[in-house]
Protein backbone atom coordinates (compact mmCIF):
# COMPACT_ATOMS: atom_id res chain seq x y z
CA MET A 1 -0.12 -0.03 -0.05
CA THR A 2 1.61 3.39 -0.80
CA SER A 3 1.82 5.70 1.91
CA LEU A 4 0.61 9.29 2.29
CA ALA A 5 4.17 10.57 2.34
CA GLU A 6 5.22 8.74 -1.22
CA THR A 7 1.72 10.12 -2.38
CA ASP A 8 2.64 13.51 -1.66
CA THR A 9 6.19 13.15 -3.04
CA ALA A 10 4.87 11.98 -6.36
CA SER A 11 2.29 14.62 -6.40
CA GLY A 12 4.73 17.26 -5.64
CA ASP A 13 7.17 15.67 -8.24
CA ARG A 14 4.27 15.75 -10.80
CA ARG A 15 3.57 19.41 -10.03
CA GLU A 16 7.35 20.41 -10.31
CA ALA A 17 7.26 18.57 -13.91
CA ALA A 18 4.28 20.38 -14.99
CA ASN A 19 5.67 23.78 -13.86
CA ARG A 20 8.73 23.41 -15.42
CA HIS A 21 7.16 22.32 -18.58
CA ALA A 22 5.02 25.16 -18.67
CA LEU A 23 7.80 27.46 -17.90
CA GLY A 24 9.75 26.05 -20.93
CA LEU A 25 7.02 26.43 -23.41
CA ALA A 26 6.67 30.01 -22.02
CA LEU A 27 10.40 30.90 -22.45
CA ALA A 28 10.08 29.39 -25.86
CA VAL A 29 7.17 31.66 -26.77
CA LEU A 30 8.55 34.61 -25.39
CA GLY A 31 11.95 33.81 -27.27
CA ALA A 32 10.14 33.41 -30.63
CA ILE A 33 8.23 36.85 -30.27
CA ALA A 34 11.11 38.78 -29.08
CA PHE A 35 13.31 37.40 -32.06
CA SER A 36 10.62 38.29 -34.63
CA GLY A 37 10.99 41.93 -33.27
CA LYS A 38 14.13 42.06 -34.83
CA ALA A 39 12.63 42.93 -38.22
CA ILE A 40 10.15 45.44 -36.82
CA ILE A 41 13.26 47.18 -35.03
CA ILE A 42 15.19 47.33 -38.41
CA LYS A 43 12.45 48.59 -40.38
CA LEU A 44 11.81 51.41 -37.76
CA ALA A 45 15.53 52.32 -37.75
CA TYR A 46 15.43 52.63 -41.56
CA ARG A 47 13.01 55.47 -41.26
CA HIS A 48 15.77 57.55 -39.79
CA GLY A 49 17.92 57.33 -42.81
CA VAL A 50 20.56 54.81 -41.45
CA ASP A 51 22.28 52.41 -43.91
CA PRO A 52 22.53 48.49 -43.31
CA VAL A 53 26.38 48.90 -42.77
CA THR A 54 25.99 51.38 -39.69
CA LEU A 55 22.82 49.90 -38.32
CA ILE A 56 24.01 46.24 -38.19
CA MET A 57 27.14 47.74 -36.67
CA LEU A 58 25.21 49.34 -33.84
CA ARG A 59 23.77 46.35 -33.25
CA MET A 60 26.62 44.09 -32.80
CA LEU A 61 28.57 46.79 -30.88
CA PHE A 62 25.84 46.75 -28.00
CA ALA A 63 25.60 42.88 -28.27
CA LEU A 64 29.18 42.33 -28.34
CA PRO A 65 29.69 42.49 -24.42
CA ILE A 66 26.56 40.16 -23.90
CA PHE A 67 28.14 37.60 -26.04
CA ALA A 68 31.72 37.98 -24.83
CA VAL A 69 30.14 37.21 -21.05
CA MET A 70 28.21 34.46 -22.32
CA ALA A 71 31.32 32.99 -23.86
CA TRP A 72 33.60 33.78 -20.72
CA TRP A 73 30.82 32.12 -18.52
CA ALA A 74 30.41 28.98 -20.52
CA SER A 75 34.26 28.50 -20.62
CA ARG A 76 34.78 28.60 -17.04
CA GLY A 77 36.85 25.34 -15.92
CA ARG A 78 36.97 23.99 -19.28
CA ALA A 79 39.89 23.08 -21.51
CA ALA A 80 41.07 25.83 -23.85
CA LEU A 81 39.94 25.53 -27.81
CA SER A 82 42.56 23.91 -30.04
CA TRP A 83 43.58 25.74 -33.16
CA ARG A 84 41.00 23.32 -35.20
CA ASP A 85 38.18 24.50 -32.89
CA TRP A 86 38.98 27.94 -33.21
CA ARG A 87 38.82 27.66 -37.20
CA GLY A 88 35.50 26.25 -36.68
CA VAL A 89 34.20 28.93 -34.61
CA LEU A 90 35.62 31.54 -36.85
CA TRP A 91 34.21 30.12 -40.00
CA LEU A 92 30.74 29.70 -38.34
CA GLY A 93 30.75 33.11 -36.94
CA PHE A 94 31.60 34.58 -40.46
CA THR A 95 28.98 32.63 -42.10
CA GLY A 96 26.41 31.68 -39.99
CA TYR A 97 25.93 35.08 -37.94
CA TYR A 98 27.74 37.99 -39.54
CA LEU A 99 27.05 37.04 -43.21
CA SER A 100 23.54 35.84 -42.41
CA SER A 101 22.57 38.87 -40.47
CA PHE A 102 23.86 41.43 -42.95
CA LEU A 103 22.40 39.66 -45.81
CA ASP A 104 19.00 40.06 -43.77
CA PHE A 105 19.81 43.55 -42.91
CA VAL A 106 20.11 44.57 -46.41
CA GLY A 107 17.05 42.42 -47.80
CA LEU A 108 14.78 44.16 -45.09
CA GLN A 109 15.40 47.47 -47.26
CA PHE A 110 13.19 45.88 -50.03
CA ILE A 111 10.80 43.52 -48.59
CA SER A 112 8.31 43.89 -45.61
CA ALA A 113 8.88 42.60 -42.25
CA SER A 114 6.21 39.83 -42.81
CA LEU A 115 7.54 38.45 -46.01
CA GLU A 116 10.99 38.29 -44.27
CA ARG A 117 10.07 36.49 -41.25
CA LEU A 118 8.01 33.83 -43.43
CA ILE A 119 11.06 33.33 -45.54
CA LEU A 120 13.29 32.92 -42.84
CA TYR A 121 10.64 30.71 -41.09
CA LEU A 122 11.74 28.11 -43.82
CA ASN A 123 14.97 27.51 -42.04
CA PRO A 124 14.36 23.88 -41.06
CA THR A 125 13.42 23.16 -44.92
CA VAL A 126 16.52 24.66 -45.92
CA VAL A 127 18.69 22.59 -43.45
CA LEU A 128 17.04 19.68 -44.93
CA LEU A 129 17.77 20.34 -48.29
CA LEU A 130 21.12 21.19 -47.90
CA GLY A 131 21.80 17.79 -45.81
CA LEU A 132 20.12 16.08 -49.12
CA LEU A 133 22.73 17.78 -51.26
CA ILE A 134 25.60 17.74 -49.20
CA TYR A 135 25.35 14.20 -47.20
CA LYS A 136 22.63 12.53 -49.51
CA ARG A 137 20.25 12.12 -46.54
CA LYS A 138 17.02 10.68 -47.25
CA VAL A 139 13.74 12.89 -47.43
CA THR A 140 10.47 11.33 -46.37
CA ARG A 141 7.13 11.74 -48.27
CA ARG A 142 5.56 14.02 -45.41
CA GLN A 143 8.57 16.38 -45.05
CA VAL A 144 8.10 16.88 -49.07
CA LEU A 145 4.62 17.54 -48.48
CA GLY A 146 5.33 20.08 -45.74
CA MET A 147 7.93 21.65 -47.83
CA ALA A 148 5.58 22.02 -50.73
CA VAL A 149 2.76 23.56 -48.58
CA SER A 150 5.00 26.13 -46.64
CA TYR A 151 7.08 27.20 -49.88
CA ALA A 152 3.80 27.69 -51.63
CA GLY A 153 2.54 30.13 -48.59
CA VAL A 154 5.79 32.03 -49.33
CA VAL A 155 5.35 32.06 -53.06
CA LEU A 156 1.64 33.41 -52.59
CA VAL A 157 3.19 36.44 -50.23
CA PHE A 158 5.91 37.18 -52.35
CA GLY A 159 3.77 37.09 -55.57
CA HIS A 160 1.59 39.63 -54.02
CA GLU A 161 4.37 42.00 -52.88
CA VAL A 162 6.25 41.82 -56.03
CA THR A 163 2.80 43.52 -57.68
CA VAL A 164 2.86 46.01 -55.29
CA GLN A 165 6.73 47.12 -54.87
CA GLY A 166 7.97 45.66 -57.94
CA HIS A 167 11.28 43.67 -58.92
CA HIS A 168 13.05 45.62 -55.95
CA ALA A 169 10.90 42.81 -53.85
CA ALA A 170 12.37 39.94 -55.69
CA PHE A 171 16.00 41.22 -54.86
CA GLY A 172 15.33 41.50 -51.45
CA ALA A 173 13.47 38.37 -51.16
CA LEU A 174 16.83 36.69 -52.56
CA LEU A 175 18.85 38.28 -50.12
CA VAL A 176 16.71 37.20 -47.21
CA PHE A 177 16.63 33.57 -48.55
CA ALA A 178 20.41 33.64 -48.98
CA SER A 179 20.46 34.64 -45.25
CA ALA A 180 18.31 31.65 -44.43
CA VAL A 181 20.74 29.78 -46.50
CA MET A 182 24.04 30.93 -44.69
CA TYR A 183 22.25 30.10 -41.15
CA ALA A 184 20.98 26.73 -42.38
CA LEU A 185 24.67 26.22 -43.17
CA TYR A 186 25.85 27.03 -39.50
CA LEU A 187 23.18 24.48 -38.05
CA LEU A 188 24.60 21.95 -40.46
CA TYR A 189 28.16 22.34 -39.81
CA SER A 190 27.96 23.15 -35.90
CA GLY A 191 26.89 20.10 -34.74
CA GLU A 192 30.34 18.53 -34.38
CA LEU A 193 31.39 21.90 -32.37
CA VAL A 194 28.50 21.85 -30.31
CA LYS A 195 29.48 18.59 -29.02
CA ARG A 196 32.81 19.66 -28.14
CA LEU A 197 32.37 23.18 -27.04
CA GLY A 198 28.86 23.11 -25.80
CA SER A 199 25.84 25.32 -27.38
CA MET A 200 26.25 28.52 -25.15
CA ARG A 201 29.95 28.49 -25.42
CA LEU A 202 29.66 28.34 -29.16
CA VAL A 203 26.80 30.93 -29.43
CA GLY A 204 28.96 33.10 -27.31
CA LEU A 205 32.30 32.95 -29.11
CA ALA A 206 30.80 32.59 -32.90
CA SER A 207 28.44 35.57 -32.04
CA SER A 208 31.39 37.45 -30.65
CA VAL A 209 33.25 36.85 -34.15
CA ALA A 210 30.09 38.14 -36.30
CA CYS A 211 30.28 41.39 -33.90
CA LEU A 212 33.77 41.93 -34.47
CA CYS A 213 33.22 41.45 -38.36
CA CYS A 214 30.34 43.98 -38.47
CA ILE A 215 32.17 46.50 -36.51
CA THR A 216 35.35 45.89 -38.92
CA GLN A 217 33.01 46.24 -41.71
CA PHE A 218 32.02 49.62 -40.83
CA LEU A 219 35.33 51.00 -40.16
CA VAL A 220 36.62 49.95 -43.54
CA LEU A 221 33.49 51.17 -45.47
CA ARG A 222 32.50 54.12 -43.79
CA PRO A 223 34.05 57.32 -42.21
CA LEU A 224 33.68 57.59 -38.64
CA GLY A 225 31.16 60.40 -39.07
CA SER A 226 28.90 57.83 -40.13
CA PHE A 227 28.40 57.10 -36.52
CA GLU A 228 26.39 60.18 -35.74
CA VAL A 229 22.79 58.98 -36.22
CA ALA A 230 19.43 59.95 -35.15
CA PRO A 231 19.05 59.39 -31.36
CA PRO A 232 15.96 56.97 -31.80
CA VAL A 233 18.61 54.77 -34.06
CA ILE A 234 20.76 54.26 -30.99
CA TRP A 235 18.04 53.26 -28.73
CA LEU A 236 16.28 50.99 -31.22
CA SER A 237 20.05 49.40 -31.73
CA VAL A 238 20.13 48.90 -27.98
CA LEU A 239 16.70 47.13 -28.01
CA ASN A 240 17.51 45.09 -30.89
CA ALA A 241 20.73 43.89 -29.66
CA THR A 242 19.41 42.99 -25.94
CA LEU A 243 15.64 42.28 -26.48
CA CYS A 244 15.82 40.88 -29.96
CA THR A 245 19.43 39.26 -30.13
CA ALA A 246 20.88 38.13 -26.74
CA ALA A 247 17.62 37.42 -24.84
CA PRO A 248 15.99 35.15 -27.41
CA VAL A 249 19.19 32.89 -27.61
CA LEU A 250 19.20 32.56 -23.65
CA MET A 251 15.33 32.05 -23.65
CA VAL A 252 15.11 29.39 -26.42
CA MET A 253 18.30 27.52 -24.90
CA MET A 254 16.55 27.41 -21.40
CA ALA A 255 13.30 26.30 -23.22
CA ILE A 256 15.07 23.35 -24.74
CA GLU A 257 16.59 22.28 -21.74
CA ARG A 258 13.07 22.03 -19.87
CA VAL A 259 10.88 20.90 -22.81
CA GLY A 260 13.50 19.53 -25.47
CA ALA A 261 13.99 20.96 -29.11
CA GLY A 262 10.76 19.49 -30.79
CA ALA A 263 8.33 21.24 -28.33
CA ALA A 264 10.40 24.60 -28.45
CA ALA A 265 10.18 24.60 -32.04
CA GLN A 266 6.39 24.06 -32.06
CA ALA A 267 5.91 26.82 -29.71
CA GLY A 268 8.25 29.05 -32.00
CA MET A 269 5.22 28.97 -34.60
CA VAL A 270 4.18 32.21 -32.91
CA GLY A 271 7.04 34.29 -34.11
CA PRO A 272 5.58 34.90 -37.79
CA LEU A 273 2.30 35.50 -36.29
CA SER A 274 3.76 38.25 -34.06
CA THR A 275 6.04 39.90 -36.81
CA ILE A 276 2.86 40.22 -38.85
CA LEU A 277 1.04 41.73 -35.83
CA LEU A 278 3.50 44.01 -35.16
CA GLY A 279 4.22 45.04 -38.59
CA VAL A 280 0.47 46.11 -38.99
CA LEU A 281 0.60 47.77 -35.43
CA LEU A 282 4.15 49.66 -35.45
CA LEU A 283 4.87 49.79 -39.01
CA GLY A 284 1.58 50.43 -40.80
CA GLU A 285 2.00 47.27 -43.30
CA PRO A 286 -1.16 45.96 -44.73
CA PHE A 287 -2.60 42.90 -43.46
CA THR A 288 -4.35 41.47 -46.62
CA ALA A 289 -5.87 37.98 -47.35
CA TRP A 290 -2.86 37.20 -49.65
CA VAL A 291 -0.51 37.75 -46.27
CA ALA A 292 -3.33 35.85 -44.10
CA ALA A 293 -3.59 33.10 -46.56
CA GLY A 294 0.54 32.53 -47.19
CA THR A 295 1.03 32.75 -43.44
CA VAL A 296 -1.65 29.70 -42.78
CA LEU A 297 0.12 27.93 -45.23
CA VAL A 298 3.68 28.41 -44.01
CA ILE A 299 2.63 27.52 -40.59
CA ALA A 300 0.92 24.63 -41.64
CA GLY A 301 3.75 23.24 -43.91
CA ILE A 302 6.70 23.55 -41.48
CA TYR A 303 4.09 21.99 -38.58
CA VAL A 304 3.72 18.95 -40.72
CA PHE A 305 7.33 19.13 -41.78
CA THR A 306 8.58 19.44 -37.82
CA ARG A 307 6.14 16.49 -37.06
CA SER A 308 7.17 13.79 -39.69
CA LYS A 309 10.22 11.51 -38.65
CA PRO A 310 13.28 11.37 -40.08
CA ALA A 311 14.04 9.05 -43.21
């Protein structure tokens, strides 16, 4: 017969597990919303006449101390990196964070925040396609179905935006998709380094490399006078560096620890919806039937894609 004490203990363990799961889901949702706000902030900053090189430099300048502390914290008591590890960190920092971010910043000059978020939300499918091309990994029929539905949604929104904004939208969408490809390559090649260094240490180091790349790019391409920007650009960049860059990374990592990567990814589906809502409220972007239909298709396709079992 189970004692009263054992029953209370089991009940307490279940409550603790339920609270841990609820907190994990909340962190995943908040992280997705915070990260999706990046495009909104960038579009607001562009209204003050700042260029992409200066804007991304400001974002990374304010984010650098946060990522440096993250790398230091995760490196405490651990072995120093080998030259092989440093090469991997430098390469991933350059491609996965610097180049991906810069292409995204430039692309946002030409397309809406809603379309940008929908394109970036295709990232899991890009990872799968690159794995198919590079490693000859198999793809299931359900994954193909999910990809077809989600890409149809993006094409729907893209086609409508091209009719409104012209060929500039095609160039911007291409740049943002290239950004998604660069980040997918980072995810594809980071697996071995994550195992050796840990996710927080790798993110901190690679992001610090990207910050230094963006600052160096500004010093090479722009005169120092370009640093004099409108005060709102400074505050928007601080907000971008903290709330929309560093904070989401930490929240999603904490969410994965509590509920796993799959549940965290499912909760992240709120990201495109929050971007569209913020775009309508803060940027005055139109919410049309085309955007609504495309968003539904993208989210449904990614849901089917992520729920399918690997081949």
